[in-house]
Protein backbone atom coordinates (compact mmCIF):
# COMPACT_ATOMS: atom_id res chain seq x y z
CA MET A 1 -38.16 16.66 -39.11
CA ILE A 2 -38.39 13.05 -38.00
CA PRO A 3 -41.08 12.05 -35.48
CA ASP A 4 -40.08 11.23 -31.91
CA THR A 5 -41.56 7.78 -32.39
CA TRP A 6 -38.60 6.90 -34.62
CA LEU A 7 -36.20 7.17 -31.69
CA ALA A 8 -35.57 4.32 -29.28
CA GLU A 9 -36.03 5.08 -25.61
CA ARG A 10 -32.36 4.30 -24.94
CA THR A 11 -31.31 7.28 -27.08
CA LYS A 12 -33.49 9.64 -25.04
CA ALA A 13 -31.70 8.61 -21.88
CA ILE A 14 -28.32 9.70 -23.26
CA GLU A 15 -27.29 13.34 -23.60
CA LEU A 16 -24.27 14.91 -25.27
CA SER A 17 -21.47 14.65 -22.72
CA GLY A 18 -20.22 17.67 -20.84
CA ILE A 19 -16.82 17.07 -22.40
CA ARG A 20 -18.23 17.48 -25.91
CA LYS A 21 -20.09 20.59 -24.82
CA VAL A 22 -16.82 22.12 -23.65
CA PHE A 23 -15.21 21.18 -26.97
CA GLU A 24 -17.99 23.02 -28.78
CA LEU A 25 -17.54 26.10 -26.59
CA GLY A 26 -13.81 25.94 -27.18
CA LYS A 27 -14.27 26.37 -30.92
CA SER A 28 -15.22 30.00 -30.32
CA LEU A 29 -12.04 30.75 -28.34
CA LYS A 30 -8.79 32.01 -29.79
CA ASP A 31 -5.78 29.96 -28.66
CA PRO A 32 -7.53 28.48 -25.61
CA VAL A 33 -5.61 26.89 -22.77
CA ASN A 34 -6.94 23.37 -23.22
CA LEU A 35 -6.76 21.23 -20.09
CA SER A 36 -9.94 19.36 -20.91
CA ILE A 37 -9.05 16.52 -23.22
CA GLY A 38 -8.43 13.07 -21.77
CA GLN A 39 -5.79 11.80 -24.13
CA PRO A 40 -1.98 11.85 -24.14
CA HIS A 41 -0.40 14.92 -25.67
CA PHE A 42 2.48 12.94 -27.23
CA ASP A 43 2.45 11.25 -30.62
CA VAL A 44 2.57 7.50 -31.18
CA PRO A 45 6.23 6.39 -30.79
CA GLU A 46 8.03 5.99 -34.10
CA PRO A 47 8.65 2.20 -33.87
CA ILE A 48 4.93 1.62 -33.44
CA LYS A 49 4.05 3.91 -36.35
CA ALA A 50 6.60 2.07 -38.48
CA ALA A 51 4.98 -1.24 -37.51
CA VAL A 52 1.51 -0.14 -38.59
CA LYS A 53 2.87 1.19 -41.89
CA ALA A 54 4.55 -2.16 -42.46
CA ALA A 55 1.28 -3.93 -41.67
CA LEU A 56 -0.58 -1.79 -44.19
CA ASP A 57 2.03 -2.43 -46.86
CA ALA A 58 1.95 -6.16 -46.13
CA GLY A 59 -1.76 -6.22 -46.87
CA HIS A 60 -3.09 -6.74 -43.34
CA ASN A 61 -6.17 -4.69 -44.17
CA GLY A 62 -9.00 -7.20 -44.02
CA TYR A 63 -10.99 -8.83 -41.28
CA THR A 64 -9.19 -10.82 -38.61
CA VAL A 65 -10.65 -13.57 -36.49
CA THR A 66 -13.01 -12.06 -33.94
CA GLN A 67 -10.80 -12.95 -30.97
CA GLY A 68 -7.79 -11.10 -32.42
CA ILE A 69 -4.75 -12.18 -34.39
CA ALA A 70 -2.79 -15.06 -32.87
CA GLU A 71 0.46 -13.07 -32.59
CA LEU A 72 -1.15 -10.42 -30.40
CA ARG A 73 -3.42 -12.72 -28.40
CA ASP A 74 -0.50 -14.99 -27.59
CA ARG A 75 1.48 -12.03 -26.25
CA LEU A 76 -1.43 -10.79 -24.16
CA ALA A 77 -2.22 -14.28 -22.88
CA ALA A 78 1.43 -14.77 -21.89
CA ASP A 79 1.31 -11.49 -19.98
CA ALA A 80 -1.87 -12.59 -18.19
CA ARG A 81 -0.31 -15.96 -17.27
CA ALA A 82 2.78 -14.21 -15.90
CA ARG A 83 0.74 -11.75 -13.82
CA PHE A 84 -1.86 -14.29 -12.66
CA PRO A 85 -0.16 -17.69 -12.47
CA GLY A 86 -3.02 -19.12 -10.43
CA HIS A 87 -5.61 -18.35 -13.11
CA PRO A 88 -5.40 -21.22 -15.63
CA ASP A 89 -8.90 -20.42 -16.90
CA ARG A 90 -8.10 -16.78 -17.81
CA ASP A 91 -8.58 -16.06 -21.54
CA VAL A 92 -8.04 -12.96 -23.70
CA LEU A 93 -10.15 -11.11 -26.28
CA VAL A 94 -8.81 -8.24 -28.41
CA THR A 95 -11.47 -5.52 -28.64
CA SER A 96 -12.27 -2.33 -30.50
CA GLY A 97 -11.00 -0.05 -27.78
CA THR A 98 -11.42 -0.24 -24.05
CA SER A 99 -14.90 1.26 -24.38
CA GLY A 100 -15.78 -1.58 -26.75
CA GLY A 101 -14.53 -4.09 -24.22
CA LEU A 102 -16.53 -2.50 -21.41
CA LEU A 103 -19.72 -2.48 -23.47
CA LEU A 104 -19.26 -6.12 -24.47
CA ALA A 105 -18.64 -7.11 -20.84
CA LEU A 106 -21.85 -5.40 -19.73
CA MET A 107 -23.89 -6.73 -22.65
CA ALA A 108 -22.74 -10.26 -21.84
CA THR A 109 -23.63 -10.06 -18.15
CA VAL A 110 -26.40 -7.51 -17.54
CA ASN A 111 -30.07 -8.26 -18.11
CA PRO A 112 -32.76 -5.55 -18.37
CA GLY A 113 -33.38 -4.14 -14.92
CA ASP A 114 -30.14 -5.43 -13.39
CA GLU A 115 -28.18 -3.03 -11.21
CA VAL A 116 -24.53 -2.09 -11.76
CA ILE A 117 -22.69 -0.48 -8.86
CA THR A 118 -19.97 2.04 -9.62
CA PRO A 119 -18.14 4.63 -7.50
CA ASP A 120 -19.14 8.29 -7.83
CA PRO A 121 -17.28 10.10 -9.46
CA TYR A 122 -17.28 7.75 -12.45
CA PHE A 123 -16.06 7.73 -16.05
CA VAL A 124 -18.45 9.73 -18.22
CA ALA A 125 -19.46 6.72 -20.35
CA TYR A 126 -20.43 4.41 -17.50
CA PRO A 127 -24.05 5.53 -17.03
CA HIS A 128 -24.70 5.30 -20.74
CA ILE A 129 -23.10 1.95 -21.52
CA ILE A 130 -24.97 0.53 -18.54
CA THR A 131 -28.16 1.97 -20.05
CA LEU A 132 -27.31 0.44 -23.44
CA ALA A 133 -26.96 -2.94 -21.73
CA GLY A 134 -30.41 -2.49 -20.17
CA GLY A 135 -29.10 -2.01 -16.65
CA ARG A 136 -29.47 0.67 -14.00
CA MET A 137 -26.43 2.39 -12.53
CA VAL A 138 -26.20 2.54 -8.74
CA PRO A 139 -23.58 5.14 -7.74
CA VAL A 140 -21.68 4.73 -4.47
CA ASP A 141 -20.38 8.00 -3.04
CA ALA A 142 -16.58 8.14 -2.86
CA TYR A 143 -16.31 11.76 -1.71
CA PRO A 144 -14.43 13.53 -0.23
CA ASP A 145 -11.15 11.61 -0.69
CA PHE A 146 -12.24 9.32 -3.58
CA ALA A 147 -10.99 6.27 -1.66
CA LEU A 148 -13.45 3.53 -2.54
CA ASP A 149 -14.98 2.04 0.62
CA PRO A 150 -15.91 -1.66 0.22
CA ASP A 151 -18.43 -1.33 3.05
CA ARG A 152 -20.36 1.28 1.07
CA VAL A 153 -20.34 -1.03 -1.94
CA ALA A 154 -21.58 -3.93 0.19
CA ALA A 155 -24.42 -1.76 1.53
CA ALA A 156 -25.50 -0.94 -2.03
CA ILE A 157 -25.87 -4.58 -3.12
CA THR A 158 -29.47 -5.73 -3.59
CA PRO A 159 -31.04 -8.86 -5.12
CA ARG A 160 -30.94 -7.01 -8.48
CA THR A 161 -27.20 -6.29 -8.35
CA LYS A 162 -25.39 -7.99 -11.23
CA ALA A 163 -22.06 -6.22 -11.46
CA ILE A 164 -19.61 -3.84 -9.85
CA LEU A 165 -17.77 -1.59 -12.32
CA LEU A 166 -14.70 0.26 -11.12
CA SER A 167 -11.83 2.22 -12.62
CA THR A 168 -8.34 2.25 -11.12
CA PRO A 169 -6.57 4.58 -11.60
CA SER A 170 -9.72 6.64 -11.99
CA ASN A 171 -10.93 9.01 -14.62
CA PRO A 172 -11.81 11.74 -13.49
CA THR A 173 -10.10 11.78 -10.09
CA GLY A 174 -6.80 9.99 -10.69
CA ALA A 175 -7.48 8.02 -7.50
CA VAL A 176 -5.95 4.56 -7.13
CA VAL A 177 -7.92 1.94 -5.21
CA ARG A 178 -5.83 0.63 -2.30
CA PRO A 179 -4.72 -3.03 -2.37
CA ASP A 180 -6.71 -3.86 0.77
CA ALA A 181 -9.84 -2.37 -0.79
CA LEU A 182 -9.24 -4.27 -4.05
CA ASN A 183 -8.91 -7.48 -2.07
CA ALA A 184 -12.09 -6.75 -0.13
CA LEU A 185 -14.02 -5.90 -3.31
CA ALA A 186 -12.86 -9.09 -5.03
CA ARG A 187 -13.95 -11.18 -2.03
CA LEU A 188 -17.24 -9.29 -1.77
CA ALA A 189 -18.05 -9.91 -5.44
CA ARG A 190 -17.16 -13.59 -5.15
CA ASP A 191 -19.14 -14.13 -1.96
CA ARG A 192 -22.23 -12.31 -3.24
CA GLY A 193 -22.19 -13.82 -6.73
CA VAL A 194 -21.61 -10.46 -8.44
CA VAL A 195 -19.46 -9.83 -11.53
CA LEU A 196 -16.54 -7.49 -10.83
CA ILE A 197 -15.37 -5.56 -13.92
CA SER A 198 -12.14 -3.61 -13.52
CA ASP A 199 -11.39 -0.84 -16.03
CA GLU A 200 -7.58 -0.57 -16.10
CA ILE A 201 -6.95 1.60 -19.15
CA TYR A 202 -4.53 3.67 -17.01
CA ARG A 203 -2.61 0.70 -15.59
CA ALA A 204 0.72 2.09 -16.85
CA PHE A 205 0.14 5.38 -15.00
CA HIS A 206 0.74 4.53 -11.33
CA TYR A 207 2.99 7.14 -9.72
CA ASP A 208 3.46 6.32 -6.05
CA GLU A 209 2.83 2.59 -5.69
CA PRO A 210 3.12 -0.45 -7.98
CA ALA A 211 0.07 -1.24 -10.09
CA ASP A 212 -2.45 -3.56 -8.48
CA THR A 213 -5.70 -5.12 -9.65
CA PRO A 214 -8.65 -6.93 -8.05
CA ALA A 215 -7.87 -9.82 -10.40
CA ALA A 216 -4.85 -10.53 -8.21
CA TYR A 217 -7.31 -11.59 -5.50
CA ASP A 218 -9.90 -13.56 -7.44
CA GLU A 219 -9.70 -15.43 -10.74
CA ASN A 220 -13.23 -14.47 -11.81
CA VAL A 221 -12.55 -10.72 -12.01
CA VAL A 222 -12.96 -9.35 -15.54
CA VAL A 223 -10.25 -6.85 -16.52
CA VAL A 224 -10.47 -4.39 -19.42
CA GLU A 225 -7.26 -2.80 -20.67
CA GLY A 226 -6.12 -0.81 -23.67
CA PHE A 227 -3.26 0.57 -25.72
CA GLY A 228 -4.56 4.11 -26.23
CA LYS A 229 -3.33 5.98 -23.16
CA ALA A 230 0.11 4.43 -22.68
CA TYR A 231 1.15 4.69 -26.33
CA GLY A 232 -0.73 7.80 -27.47
CA MET A 233 -2.87 5.78 -29.89
CA THR A 234 -6.39 6.55 -28.61
CA GLY A 235 -7.71 6.87 -32.16
CA TRP A 236 -6.55 3.37 -33.07
CA ARG A 237 -9.40 1.90 -30.98
CA LEU A 238 -7.55 -1.09 -29.61
CA GLY A 239 -8.07 -2.77 -26.27
CA TRP A 240 -8.35 -6.20 -24.70
CA VAL A 241 -10.34 -8.03 -22.05
CA HIS A 242 -9.15 -10.91 -19.92
CA GLY A 243 -11.20 -13.04 -17.58
CA PRO A 244 -12.91 -16.43 -17.20
CA ARG A 245 -12.85 -18.44 -20.42
CA ARG A 246 -16.60 -19.12 -20.56
CA LEU A 247 -17.47 -15.43 -20.19
CA LEU A 248 -14.84 -14.39 -22.75
CA ALA A 249 -16.44 -16.77 -25.26
CA GLU A 250 -19.72 -14.88 -24.83
CA LEU A 251 -17.97 -11.53 -25.35
CA ALA A 252 -16.39 -12.89 -28.54
CA LYS A 253 -19.81 -13.98 -29.77
CA LEU A 254 -21.20 -10.49 -29.22
CA GLN A 255 -18.18 -8.87 -30.86
CA GLN A 256 -18.61 -11.08 -33.93
CA PHE A 257 -22.02 -9.53 -34.59
CA THR A 258 -21.19 -5.94 -33.61
CA TYR A 259 -17.61 -4.74 -34.01
CA VAL A 260 -16.62 -7.94 -35.93
CA CYS A 261 -12.98 -7.47 -34.94
CA ALA A 262 -10.52 -4.84 -33.81
CA PRO A 263 -8.78 -2.88 -36.63
CA ALA A 264 -6.44 -5.33 -38.37
CA PRO A 265 -3.30 -3.25 -39.11
CA PHE A 266 -3.32 -1.84 -35.60
CA GLN A 267 -3.47 -5.32 -34.12
CA HIS A 268 -0.28 -6.19 -36.01
CA ALA A 269 1.41 -3.01 -34.73
CA ALA A 270 0.28 -3.60 -31.16
CA ALA A 271 2.73 -6.45 -30.70
CA THR A 272 5.50 -3.88 -31.31
CA ALA A 273 3.86 -1.54 -28.80
CA LEU A 274 4.13 -4.19 -26.11
CA ASP A 275 7.92 -4.11 -26.54
CA HIS A 276 8.09 -0.30 -26.17
CA ASP A 277 9.32 1.05 -22.83
CA VAL A 278 6.88 3.69 -21.54
CA SER A 279 8.66 4.36 -18.23
CA GLY A 280 9.97 7.69 -19.52
CA ILE A 281 6.47 8.75 -20.54
CA VAL A 282 5.07 7.79 -17.15
CA ALA A 283 7.86 9.66 -15.34
CA GLY A 284 7.04 12.72 -17.44
CA TYR A 285 3.40 12.60 -16.40
CA ARG A 286 4.34 12.13 -12.76
CA ARG A 287 6.36 15.33 -13.05
CA LYS A 288 3.40 17.12 -14.68
CA ARG A 289 1.16 15.95 -11.83
CA ASP A 290 3.57 17.47 -9.32
CA LEU A 291 3.85 20.67 -11.36
CA LEU A 292 0.08 21.15 -11.44
CA ALA A 293 -0.52 20.13 -7.83
CA GLY A 294 2.30 22.37 -6.62
CA GLY A 295 1.02 25.29 -8.66
CA LEU A 296 -2.50 25.08 -7.22
CA LYS A 297 -1.59 24.13 -3.64
CA GLY A 298 -3.05 26.48 -1.06
CA ARG A 299 -5.69 27.92 -3.38
CA TYR A 300 -7.62 24.76 -4.22
CA GLU A 301 -8.89 21.80 -2.24
CA PHE A 302 -7.93 18.53 -3.95
CA VAL A 303 -6.61 15.03 -3.40
CA THR A 304 -3.24 14.46 -5.06
CA PRO A 305 -3.91 11.77 -7.68
CA GLY A 306 -1.97 8.53 -7.54
CA GLY A 307 -2.41 7.74 -11.24
CA ALA A 308 -3.90 8.56 -14.65
CA PHE A 309 -3.43 12.21 -15.70
CA TYR A 310 -6.25 14.12 -14.05
CA LEU A 311 -6.73 16.40 -11.06
CA PHE A 312 -10.25 16.81 -9.62
CA PRO A 313 -10.30 19.95 -7.44
CA LYS A 314 -13.26 21.37 -5.60
CA ALA A 315 -14.52 24.61 -7.14
CA PRO A 316 -13.35 27.47 -4.88
CA TRP A 317 -16.69 29.24 -5.33
CA GLY A 318 -20.05 28.50 -6.93
CA THR A 319 -20.95 25.17 -8.43
CA GLY A 320 -18.54 23.23 -10.59
CA THR A 321 -20.54 24.26 -13.67
CA GLU A 322 -20.54 27.94 -12.69
CA PHE A 323 -16.81 27.88 -12.09
CA VAL A 324 -16.08 26.13 -15.39
CA THR A 325 -18.29 28.60 -17.25
CA GLU A 326 -16.18 31.44 -15.85
CA ALA A 327 -12.97 29.57 -16.67
CA ILE A 328 -14.08 29.29 -20.29
CA ARG A 329 -14.75 33.03 -20.35
CA ASN A 330 -11.10 33.36 -19.31
CA ASN A 331 -9.94 31.16 -22.21
CA LEU A 332 -9.40 28.04 -20.11
CA LEU A 333 -11.05 24.73 -20.99
CA VAL A 334 -11.71 22.35 -18.10
CA ILE A 335 -14.63 19.98 -17.47
CA PRO A 336 -17.38 20.41 -14.86
CA GLY A 337 -17.49 17.63 -12.29
CA SER A 338 -21.20 17.05 -12.91
CA THR A 339 -20.16 15.35 -16.15
CA PHE A 340 -18.72 12.55 -13.99
CA SER A 341 -20.88 12.70 -10.90
CA ARG A 342 -24.26 13.23 -9.28
CA ARG A 343 -22.62 16.20 -7.54
CA ASP A 344 -21.74 19.56 -9.10
CA THR A 345 -19.00 20.65 -6.73
CA HIS A 346 -15.73 19.86 -8.52
CA PHE A 347 -14.10 20.11 -11.94
CA ARG A 348 -11.62 18.01 -13.88
CA ILE A 349 -8.24 19.17 -15.12
CA SER A 350 -6.25 17.04 -17.55
CA TYR A 351 -2.50 17.53 -17.22
CA ALA A 352 -1.84 15.65 -20.46
CA ALA A 353 -0.49 18.86 -21.94
CA ALA A 354 2.74 20.71 -22.63
CA ASP A 355 4.38 22.39 -19.64
CA GLU A 356 3.78 25.83 -21.15
CA THR A 357 0.06 25.07 -21.36
CA LEU A 358 0.05 23.85 -17.76
CA HIS A 359 1.75 27.04 -16.56
CA ARG A 360 -0.79 29.18 -18.41
CA GLY A 361 -3.62 27.12 -16.93
CA ILE A 362 -2.21 27.43 -13.40
CA ASP A 363 -2.03 31.22 -13.77
CA ILE A 364 -5.66 31.46 -14.91
CA LEU A 365 -6.90 29.08 -12.21
CA ASN A 366 -5.11 30.97 -9.46
CA ARG A 367 -6.58 34.27 -10.67
CA LEU A 368 -10.03 32.69 -10.64
CA ALA A 369 -9.51 31.31 -7.13
CA ASP A 370 -8.64 34.77 -5.86
CA ARG A 371 -12.17 35.92 -6.76
CA ALA A 372 -13.60 33.80 -3.94
């Protein structure tokens, strides 16, 4: 038994996530209906798998330059130039996953004691990566419709505020921040001297409106993106950050002495991924969203998500945790909303699953709702 004095204070502030706890509970179930996991249910497309095999066979198995291989960075930089023609200072860094990019962005900008504003509900990692960077998370309530209100964000800014961290489309709600709100947030951050970091891992998954970003409204917005969700390659740990050149240089410096570089063979395959059309995948997930929302309509209170692949309903009875505990007893794995929020009123459903699994989940959820 090691003494408590061996452990850094930052570790004591971080608990096992509610998602992992559900995974552990799920191990005891026989053939559970799993609507908990936040990753695509499809395999990596064959051309991309062929590209990584070719990279392995070609010997691309060593370190790369910290910033990422030229072939991939050039493609990503060209994409950034095309999307943001008025941002000549925007640079690109290939990272070890989107989470790696987010942590680097916070480590490069947040000093101990600085405040980071983020909407509530928030991605499960946000409180903890902010803690790792030495900051303090300041949640801004986005209930009941999860539409981020720039006025609420403005009211939360103090002299200690260093950054605003948002996710659009959102995990866990699937909410998409409106263009007018993105514009207002970008202007607010610029006017108040605050870093705006936009987590856009689900950029491909916009169902009702074209994708938008706060970077469209201000050149200093830092955007973090990734390959994992759109191409089913979450385990490849490959993302990228784009933003002001001087800040990106600091992120690269931190990556050099932490992650070193993103996985080499996957970087070589990622250029092939960029040529792969994911519109059919996105259309399939839009259909799954409609299937799930239609199946629960009338029994659950929820906001139809505009993106990602999550639904965040209000528990029809009890707390979110109590409801999820009963769902697990009925062989259904979903995640309590308290994992993503200061509130314990909702729960998250992932519809990244086969239709048969979704139908089984809908049946169980509707039976549970009838107990109210």
